[in-house]
Amino acid sequence: MRPSVALLRKDLLLERRAPEAVPAMLLFSLTTFVLFHFGLGRDEVSGQMAAGVLLVTLLFAAILGINRLFVSEQEEGGFDGVLLAPIDRTALFVAKAAGLFLFLSLVEIVAVAAFAILLLGPSPWPALPGLLLTLALLNAALAVVGALVSALAIRTRARDLIVPIVALPLLTPALIAAARLAAPLFAAGGAQALPTKWLAVLALYDLVFGLLAYAVFDFLLED
């Protein structure tokens, strides 16, 4: 874990000194919520529509972060350093996935608050515990799939095109499960309990894709 922690610390320092991913993701999310607020002509949405607006916005904001995930390694020779260093190469995957998870969490602190102000009713607080669990599981899915797809696309010229083409189909099951989880939280009559079935589906997705990405990343880095 020491190499992963060191690589993660490096990414966090780079983002703090020259912010790129987090501001872009945050600006996209806020702008999208404002557009939905005025485009729908409604001050309040609920149920499946509320879940769809929130989660699809966060998904496309995450794509911006995924596109930038391995840029520093590509431009500054970070891949060669990892290949030459006497460390497990999957440490880079763990660091990048953890970094993307943290970036998404930071964005969501502000984005979810803006969503509540612009598009939810006056009392969104009962939905907060369930929403935190749903977003944590969704962020894990975005992080592991995003790190794998970004590593695959960074070596191509059409990186900005390859990432959404590959990542969106892979992430569709996770988004569906997260939407099914979030919809009862935004019900018009008040927050309801999380559906256990969809909670298990999303957790299983995280486990399967996490193990798969961890297993193939070493071979992907060599190629």
C-alpha atoms as a PDB file:
ATOM      1  CA  MET A   1       0.000   0.000   0.000  1.00  0.00           C
ATOM      2  CA  ARG A   2       2.918   2.394   0.459  1.00  0.00           C
ATOM      3  CA  PRO A   3       3.453   2.920  -3.303  1.00  0.00           C
ATOM      4  CA  SER A   4      -0.285   3.495  -3.759  1.00  0.00           C
ATOM      5  CA  VAL A   5      -0.348   6.056  -0.964  1.00  0.00           C
ATOM      6  CA  ALA A   6       2.710   7.838  -2.390  1.00  0.00           C
ATOM      7  CA  LEU A   7       1.179   7.971  -5.873  1.00  0.00           C
ATOM      8  CA  LEU A   8      -2.133   9.160  -4.472  1.00  0.00           C
ATOM      9  CA  ARG A   9      -0.395  11.887  -2.493  1.00  0.00           C
ATOM     10  CA  LYS A  10       1.363  13.014  -5.671  1.00  0.00           C
ATOM     11  CA  ASP A  11      -1.961  13.283  -7.547  1.00  0.00           C
ATOM     12  CA  LEU A  12      -3.596  15.218  -4.721  1.00  0.00           C
ATOM     13  CA  LEU A  13      -0.672  17.658  -4.584  1.00  0.00           C
ATOM     14  CA  LEU A  14      -0.836  18.198  -8.336  1.00  0.00           C
ATOM     15  CA  GLU A  15      -4.568  18.864  -8.183  1.00  0.00           C
ATOM     16  CA  ARG A  16      -4.127  21.279  -5.283  1.00  0.00           C
ATOM     17  CA  ARG A  17      -1.338  23.244  -6.985  1.00  0.00           C
ATOM     18  CA  ALA A  18      -2.903  23.312 -10.456  1.00  0.00           C
ATOM     19  CA  PRO A  19      -6.590  22.392 -10.186  1.00  0.00           C
ATOM     20  CA  GLU A  20      -7.986  20.909 -13.373  1.00  0.00           C
ATOM     21  CA  ALA A  21     -10.294  17.938 -12.854  1.00  0.00           C
ATOM     22  CA  VAL A  22     -12.301  19.037  -9.799  1.00  0.00           C
ATOM     23  CA  PRO A  23     -13.150  22.584 -11.021  1.00  0.00           C
ATOM     24  CA  ALA A  24     -14.199  21.265 -14.445  1.00  0.00           C
ATOM     25  CA  MET A  25     -16.400  18.561 -12.926  1.00  0.00           C
ATOM     26  CA  LEU A  26     -17.932  20.983 -10.450  1.00  0.00           C
ATOM     27  CA  LEU A  27     -18.621  23.680 -13.032  1.00  0.00           C
ATOM     28  CA  PHE A  28     -20.239  21.148 -15.361  1.00  0.00           C
ATOM     29  CA  SER A  29     -22.488  19.828 -12.571  1.00  0.00           C
ATOM     30  CA  LEU A  30     -23.622  23.246 -11.390  1.00  0.00           C
ATOM     31  CA  THR A  31     -24.272  24.485 -14.919  1.00  0.00           C
ATOM     32  CA  THR A  32     -26.294  21.375 -15.746  1.00  0.00           C
ATOM     33  CA  PHE A  33     -28.457  21.731 -12.641  1.00  0.00           C
ATOM     34  CA  VAL A  34     -29.138  25.392 -13.498  1.00  0.00           C
ATOM     35  CA  LEU A  35     -30.116  24.377 -17.041  1.00  0.00           C
ATOM     36  CA  PHE A  36     -32.464  21.696 -15.722  1.00  0.00           C
ATOM     37  CA  HIS A  37     -33.981  24.178 -13.276  1.00  0.00           C
ATOM     38  CA  PHE A  38     -34.916  26.647 -15.991  1.00  0.00           C
ATOM     39  CA  GLY A  39     -35.336  24.151 -18.838  1.00  0.00           C
ATOM     40  CA  LEU A  40     -37.901  22.035 -17.011  1.00  0.00           C
ATOM     41  CA  GLY A  41     -39.717  25.132 -15.799  1.00  0.00           C
ATOM     42  CA  ARG A  42     -40.170  23.533 -12.389  1.00  0.00           C
ATOM     43  CA  ASP A  43     -38.804  24.370  -8.960  1.00  0.00           C
ATOM     44  CA  GLU A  44     -39.132  20.806  -7.741  1.00  0.00           C
ATOM     45  CA  VAL A  45     -38.687  17.321  -9.161  1.00  0.00           C
ATOM     46  CA  SER A  46     -39.208  14.012  -7.413  1.00  0.00           C
ATOM     47  CA  GLY A  47     -38.957  10.272  -7.780  1.00  0.00           C
ATOM     48  CA  GLN A  48     -37.308   8.761 -10.827  1.00  0.00           C
ATOM     49  CA  MET A  49     -36.880  12.121 -12.550  1.00  0.00           C
ATOM     50  CA  ALA A  50     -34.945  13.569  -9.617  1.00  0.00           C
ATOM     51  CA  ALA A  51     -32.732  10.481  -9.438  1.00  0.00           C
ATOM     52  CA  GLY A  52     -32.107  10.576 -13.182  1.00  0.00           C
ATOM     53  CA  VAL A  53     -31.203  14.262 -13.258  1.00  0.00           C
ATOM     54  CA  LEU A  54     -28.777  13.935 -10.358  1.00  0.00           C
ATOM     55  CA  LEU A  55     -27.046  10.703 -11.338  1.00  0.00           C
ATOM     56  CA  VAL A  56     -26.742  11.341 -15.077  1.00  0.00           C
ATOM     57  CA  THR A  57     -25.248  14.760 -14.335  1.00  0.00           C
ATOM     58  CA  LEU A  58     -22.712  13.228 -11.952  1.00  0.00           C
ATOM     59  CA  LEU A  59     -21.917  10.490 -14.475  1.00  0.00           C
ATOM     60  CA  PHE A  60     -21.046  12.940 -17.249  1.00  0.00           C
ATOM     61  CA  ALA A  61     -19.112  15.109 -14.817  1.00  0.00           C
ATOM     62  CA  ALA A  62     -17.097  12.019 -13.877  1.00  0.00           C
ATOM     63  CA  ILE A  63     -16.228  11.485 -17.556  1.00  0.00           C
ATOM     64  CA  LEU A  64     -14.383  14.813 -17.467  1.00  0.00           C
ATOM     65  CA  GLY A  65     -12.299  13.593 -14.544  1.00  0.00           C
ATOM     66  CA  ILE A  66     -11.672  10.213 -16.165  1.00  0.00           C
ATOM     67  CA  ASN A  67     -10.305  11.906 -19.281  1.00  0.00           C
ATOM     68  CA  ARG A  68      -7.660  13.697 -17.187  1.00  0.00           C
ATOM     69  CA  LEU A  69      -6.781  10.809 -14.886  1.00  0.00           C
ATOM     70  CA  PHE A  70      -3.546   9.632 -16.555  1.00  0.00           C
ATOM     71  CA  VAL A  71      -2.550  12.801 -18.395  1.00  0.00           C
ATOM     72  CA  SER A  72       0.337  13.612 -16.047  1.00  0.00           C
ATOM     73  CA  GLU A  73       1.765  10.087 -16.390  1.00  0.00           C
ATOM     74  CA  GLN A  74       1.556  10.293 -20.178  1.00  0.00           C
ATOM     75  CA  GLU A  75       3.108  13.761 -20.471  1.00  0.00           C
ATOM     76  CA  GLU A  76       5.797  13.456 -17.779  1.00  0.00           C
ATOM     77  CA  GLY A  77       6.942   9.841 -18.138  1.00  0.00           C
ATOM     78  CA  GLY A  78       5.098   8.510 -15.117  1.00  0.00           C
ATOM     79  CA  PHE A  79       4.327   5.201 -16.826  1.00  0.00           C
ATOM     80  CA  ASP A  80       8.020   4.526 -17.400  1.00  0.00           C
ATOM     81  CA  GLY A  81       8.761   5.341 -13.767  1.00  0.00           C
ATOM     82  CA  VAL A  82       6.187   2.833 -12.542  1.00  0.00           C
ATOM     83  CA  LEU A  83       7.425   0.148 -14.952  1.00  0.00           C
ATOM     84  CA  LEU A  84      11.036   0.634 -13.843  1.00  0.00           C
ATOM     85  CA  ALA A  85      10.337   0.922 -10.124  1.00  0.00           C
ATOM     86  CA  PRO A  86      10.486  -2.241  -7.947  1.00  0.00           C
ATOM     87  CA  ILE A  87       6.799  -2.006  -6.978  1.00  0.00           C
ATOM     88  CA  ASP A  88       3.590  -3.790  -7.840  1.00  0.00           C
ATOM     89  CA  ARG A  89       2.266  -2.024 -10.929  1.00  0.00           C
ATOM     90  CA  THR A  90      -1.309  -2.297  -9.746  1.00  0.00           C
ATOM     91  CA  ALA A  91      -0.347   0.301  -7.114  1.00  0.00           C
ATOM     92  CA  LEU A  92      -0.875   2.875  -9.859  1.00  0.00           C
ATOM     93  CA  PHE A  93      -4.401   1.583 -10.473  1.00  0.00           C
ATOM     94  CA  VAL A  94      -5.262   1.689  -6.755  1.00  0.00           C
ATOM     95  CA  ALA A  95      -3.920   5.242  -6.473  1.00  0.00           C
ATOM     96  CA  LYS A  96      -5.815   6.488  -9.524  1.00  0.00           C
ATOM     97  CA  ALA A  97      -9.079   4.823  -8.494  1.00  0.00           C
ATOM     98  CA  ALA A  98      -8.779   6.222  -4.964  1.00  0.00           C
ATOM     99  CA  GLY A  99      -7.956   9.677  -6.338  1.00  0.00           C
ATOM    100  CA  LEU A 100     -10.973   9.675  -8.641  1.00  0.00           C
ATOM    101  CA  PHE A 101     -13.183   8.519  -5.764  1.00  0.00           C
ATOM    102  CA  LEU A 102     -11.972  11.443  -3.636  1.00  0.00           C
ATOM    103  CA  PHE A 103     -12.424  13.937  -6.481  1.00  0.00           C
ATOM    104  CA  LEU A 104     -15.990  12.735  -7.056  1.00  0.00           C
ATOM    105  CA  SER A 105     -16.754  12.979  -3.348  1.00  0.00           C
ATOM    106  CA  LEU A 106     -15.470  16.570  -3.203  1.00  0.00           C
ATOM    107  CA  VAL A 107     -17.532  17.549  -6.235  1.00  0.00           C
ATOM    108  CA  GLU A 108     -20.662  15.953  -4.818  1.00  0.00           C
ATOM    109  CA  ILE A 109     -20.462  17.927  -1.577  1.00  0.00           C
ATOM    110  CA  VAL A 110     -21.205  21.090  -3.531  1.00  0.00           C
ATOM    111  CA  ALA A 111     -23.138  19.559  -6.433  1.00  0.00           C
ATOM    112  CA  VAL A 112     -25.684  17.726  -4.287  1.00  0.00           C
ATOM    113  CA  ALA A 113     -26.259  20.874  -2.219  1.00  0.00           C
ATOM    114  CA  ALA A 114     -26.878  22.848  -5.426  1.00  0.00           C
ATOM    115  CA  PHE A 115     -29.198  20.106  -6.693  1.00  0.00           C
ATOM    116  CA  ALA A 116     -31.202  20.245  -3.460  1.00  0.00           C
ATOM    117  CA  ILE A 117     -31.541  24.037  -3.655  1.00  0.00           C
ATOM    118  CA  LEU A 118     -32.461  24.189  -7.338  1.00  0.00           C
ATOM    119  CA  LEU A 119     -34.539  21.067  -7.893  1.00  0.00           C
ATOM    120  CA  LEU A 120     -35.645  19.477  -4.619  1.00  0.00           C
ATOM    121  CA  GLY A 121     -38.361  20.361  -2.168  1.00  0.00           C
ATOM    122  CA  PRO A 122     -37.891  22.177   1.123  1.00  0.00           C
ATOM    123  CA  SER A 123     -36.956  19.100   3.199  1.00  0.00           C
ATOM    124  CA  PRO A 124     -34.351  16.894   1.475  1.00  0.00           C
ATOM    125  CA  TRP A 125     -32.618  15.942   4.735  1.00  0.00           C
ATOM    126  CA  PRO A 126     -34.426  12.603   5.379  1.00  0.00           C
ATOM    127  CA  ALA A 127     -32.963  11.298   2.112  1.00  0.00           C
ATOM    128  CA  LEU A 128     -29.381  12.194   3.017  1.00  0.00           C
ATOM    129  CA  PRO A 129     -28.176   8.957   4.729  1.00  0.00           C
ATOM    130  CA  GLY A 130     -29.464   6.743   1.935  1.00  0.00           C
ATOM    131  CA  LEU A 131     -28.151   9.129  -0.701  1.00  0.00           C
ATOM    132  CA  LEU A 132     -24.672   9.086   0.837  1.00  0.00           C
ATOM    133  CA  LEU A 133     -24.598   5.281   0.678  1.00  0.00           C
ATOM    134  CA  THR A 134     -25.866   5.267  -2.918  1.00  0.00           C
ATOM    135  CA  LEU A 135     -23.320   7.842  -4.056  1.00  0.00           C
ATOM    136  CA  ALA A 136     -20.481   6.041  -2.271  1.00  0.00           C
ATOM    137  CA  LEU A 137     -21.278   2.803  -4.125  1.00  0.00           C
ATOM    138  CA  LEU A 138     -21.695   4.648  -7.421  1.00  0.00           C
ATOM    139  CA  ASN A 139     -18.426   6.513  -6.896  1.00  0.00           C
ATOM    140  CA  ALA A 140     -16.650   3.194  -6.344  1.00  0.00           C
ATOM    141  CA  ALA A 141     -18.014   1.940  -9.667  1.00  0.00           C
ATOM    142  CA  LEU A 142     -16.994   5.138 -11.451  1.00  0.00           C
ATOM    143  CA  ALA A 143     -13.543   4.996  -9.887  1.00  0.00           C
ATOM    144  CA  VAL A 144     -12.609   1.414 -10.791  1.00  0.00           C
ATOM    145  CA  VAL A 145     -14.100   1.474 -14.299  1.00  0.00           C
ATOM    146  CA  GLY A 146     -12.830   5.001 -14.916  1.00  0.00           C
ATOM    147  CA  ALA A 147      -9.266   4.150 -13.923  1.00  0.00           C
ATOM    148  CA  LEU A 148      -9.251   1.099 -16.181  1.00  0.00           C
ATOM    149  CA  VAL A 149     -10.775   2.862 -19.201  1.00  0.00           C
ATOM    150  CA  SER A 150      -8.567   5.919 -18.774  1.00  0.00           C
ATOM    151  CA  ALA A 151      -5.437   3.762 -18.760  1.00  0.00           C
ATOM    152  CA  LEU A 152      -6.676   2.062 -21.934  1.00  0.00           C
ATOM    153  CA  ALA A 153      -7.515   5.302 -23.738  1.00  0.00           C
ATOM    154  CA  ILE A 154      -4.538   7.453 -22.717  1.00  0.00           C
ATOM    155  CA  ARG A 155      -2.255   5.836 -25.308  1.00  0.00           C
ATOM    156  CA  THR A 156      -4.647   6.655 -28.176  1.00  0.00           C
ATOM    157  CA  ARG A 157      -4.978   9.899 -30.110  1.00  0.00           C
ATOM    158  CA  ALA A 158      -8.750  10.013 -29.661  1.00  0.00           C
ATOM    159  CA  ARG A 159      -8.643   9.789 -25.856  1.00  0.00           C
ATOM    160  CA  ASP A 160     -11.545  12.200 -25.340  1.00  0.00           C
ATOM    161  CA  LEU A 161     -13.682  10.096 -27.689  1.00  0.00           C
ATOM    162  CA  ILE A 162     -12.628   6.634 -26.527  1.00  0.00           C
ATOM    163  CA  VAL A 163     -13.339   7.239 -22.825  1.00  0.00           C
ATOM    164  CA  PRO A 164     -17.101   7.925 -23.130  1.00  0.00           C
ATOM    165  CA  ILE A 165     -17.579   5.294 -25.855  1.00  0.00           C
ATOM    166  CA  VAL A 166     -16.066   2.564 -23.672  1.00  0.00           C
ATOM    167  CA  ALA A 167     -16.976   3.786 -20.176  1.00  0.00           C
ATOM    168  CA  LEU A 168     -20.662   4.623 -20.652  1.00  0.00           C
ATOM    169  CA  PRO A 169     -21.796   1.104 -21.711  1.00  0.00           C
ATOM    170  CA  LEU A 170     -19.753  -0.440 -18.893  1.00  0.00           C
ATOM    171  CA  LEU A 171     -21.230   1.960 -16.334  1.00  0.00           C
ATOM    172  CA  THR A 172     -24.847   1.641 -17.487  1.00  0.00           C
ATOM    173  CA  PRO A 173     -25.707  -1.229 -15.065  1.00  0.00           C
ATOM    174  CA  ALA A 174     -24.247   0.741 -12.147  1.00  0.00           C
ATOM    175  CA  LEU A 175     -26.206   3.847 -13.139  1.00  0.00           C
ATOM    176  CA  ILE A 176     -29.460   1.887 -13.424  1.00  0.00           C
ATOM    177  CA  ALA A 177     -28.954   0.325  -9.995  1.00  0.00           C
ATOM    178  CA  ALA A 178     -28.063   3.699  -8.452  1.00  0.00           C
ATOM    179  CA  ALA A 179     -31.147   5.313 -10.016  1.00  0.00           C
ATOM    180  CA  ARG A 180     -33.369   2.562  -8.619  1.00  0.00           C
ATOM    181  CA  LEU A 181     -31.827   3.153  -5.212  1.00  0.00           C
ATOM    182  CA  ALA A 182     -32.160   6.936  -5.328  1.00  0.00           C
ATOM    183  CA  ALA A 183     -35.717   7.147  -6.688  1.00  0.00           C
ATOM    184  CA  PRO A 184     -37.440   6.156  -3.400  1.00  0.00           C
ATOM    185  CA  LEU A 185     -35.294   8.674  -1.553  1.00  0.00           C
ATOM    186  CA  PHE A 186     -36.779  11.484  -3.655  1.00  0.00           C
ATOM    187  CA  ALA A 187     -40.385  10.253  -3.528  1.00  0.00           C
ATOM    188  CA  ALA A 188     -42.987  13.019  -3.417  1.00  0.00           C
ATOM    189  CA  GLY A 189     -44.403  11.741  -0.129  1.00  0.00           C
ATOM    190  CA  GLY A 190     -41.008  11.662   1.587  1.00  0.00           C
ATOM    191  CA  ALA A 191     -37.932   9.467   1.639  1.00  0.00           C
ATOM    192  CA  GLN A 192     -38.525   5.725   1.646  1.00  0.00           C
ATOM    193  CA  ALA A 193     -36.269   2.789   2.465  1.00  0.00           C
ATOM    194  CA  LEU A 194     -33.570   1.736   0.019  1.00  0.00           C
ATOM    195  CA  PRO A 195     -34.488  -1.310  -2.114  1.00  0.00           C
ATOM    196  CA  THR A 196     -32.287  -4.117  -0.802  1.00  0.00           C
ATOM    197  CA  LYS A 197     -32.158  -5.877  -4.173  1.00  0.00           C
ATOM    198  CA  TRP A 198     -30.643  -2.902  -5.998  1.00  0.00           C
ATOM    199  CA  LEU A 199     -28.265  -2.234  -3.125  1.00  0.00           C
ATOM    200  CA  ALA A 200     -26.931  -5.763  -3.529  1.00  0.00           C
ATOM    201  CA  VAL A 201     -26.715  -5.360  -7.318  1.00  0.00           C
ATOM    202  CA  LEU A 202     -24.648  -2.187  -7.059  1.00  0.00           C
ATOM    203  CA  ALA A 203     -22.370  -3.648  -4.372  1.00  0.00           C
ATOM    204  CA  LEU A 204     -21.850  -6.796  -6.490  1.00  0.00           C
ATOM    205  CA  TYR A 205     -21.045  -4.639  -9.531  1.00  0.00           C
ATOM    206  CA  ASP A 206     -18.373  -2.808  -7.536  1.00  0.00           C
ATOM    207  CA  LEU A 207     -16.858  -6.073  -6.345  1.00  0.00           C
ATOM    208  CA  VAL A 208     -16.798  -7.791  -9.744  1.00  0.00           C
ATOM    209  CA  PHE A 209     -15.468  -4.847 -11.727  1.00  0.00           C
ATOM    210  CA  GLY A 210     -13.021  -3.925  -8.993  1.00  0.00           C
ATOM    211  CA  LEU A 211     -11.468  -7.393  -9.033  1.00  0.00           C
ATOM    212  CA  LEU A 212     -11.524  -7.533 -12.839  1.00  0.00           C
ATOM    213  CA  ALA A 213      -9.869  -4.144 -13.252  1.00  0.00           C
ATOM    214  CA  TYR A 214      -7.255  -4.980 -10.632  1.00  0.00           C
ATOM    215  CA  ALA A 215      -6.463  -8.265 -12.388  1.00  0.00           C
ATOM    216  CA  VAL A 216      -6.014  -6.870 -15.918  1.00  0.00           C
ATOM    217  CA  PHE A 217      -4.374  -3.534 -15.146  1.00  0.00           C
ATOM    218  CA  ASP A 218      -0.875  -5.010 -14.911  1.00  0.00           C
ATOM    219  CA  PHE A 219      -1.112  -6.472 -18.427  1.00  0.00           C
ATOM    220  CA  LEU A 220      -2.682  -3.275 -19.734  1.00  0.00           C
ATOM    221  CA  LEU A 221       0.180  -1.182 -18.365  1.00  0.00           C
ATOM    222  CA  GLU A 222       2.775  -3.391 -20.050  1.00  0.00           C
ATOM    223  CA  ASP A 223       1.052  -3.096 -23.431  1.00  0.00           C
END
